Protein backbone atom coordinates (compact mmCIF):
# COMPACT_ATOMS: atom_id res chain seq x y z
CA PHE A 1 6.60 2.26 14.51
CA ILE A 2 8.42 4.92 16.10
CA ALA A 3 7.84 3.24 19.54
CA GLU A 4 9.03 -0.45 18.31
CA PHE A 5 12.44 1.57 17.31
CA GLY A 6 12.94 3.26 20.42
CA GLU A 7 12.60 0.14 22.31
CA THR A 8 15.10 -1.96 20.02
CA LEU A 9 17.61 0.98 19.58
CA ILE A 10 19.42 2.34 22.86
CA PRO A 11 18.47 5.74 23.62
CA GLU A 12 21.97 7.34 22.50
CA PRO A 13 21.67 11.48 21.47
CA GLY A 14 22.67 10.12 17.79
CA SER A 15 20.59 7.88 17.38
CA LEU A 16 17.30 9.57 18.79
CA THR A 17 18.64 12.65 16.12
CA LEU A 18 19.00 10.16 13.11
CA LEU A 19 15.54 8.98 14.19
CA GLY A 20 14.06 12.46 13.84
CA LEU A 21 15.50 13.24 10.71
CA GLY A 22 14.30 9.72 9.28
CA ALA A 23 10.90 10.07 10.97
CA VAL A 24 10.61 14.05 9.13
CA ALA A 25 11.91 12.30 5.76
CA LEU A 26 9.26 9.68 5.80
CA LEU A 27 6.69 12.22 6.69
CA ARG A 28 8.16 14.74 4.04
CA ARG A 29 7.57 11.71 1.50
CA ARG A 30 3.90 10.69 2.13
CA ARG A 31 2.94 14.14 2.44
CA ARG A 32 3.85 14.42 -1.45
């Protein structure tokens, strides 16, 4: 689903950072 977000959102440094943090948070919650 990350690929879809990348195509939808404009490639901005801030957006990429937020996406990265969000992905990490989701992974941590799932690994719980």
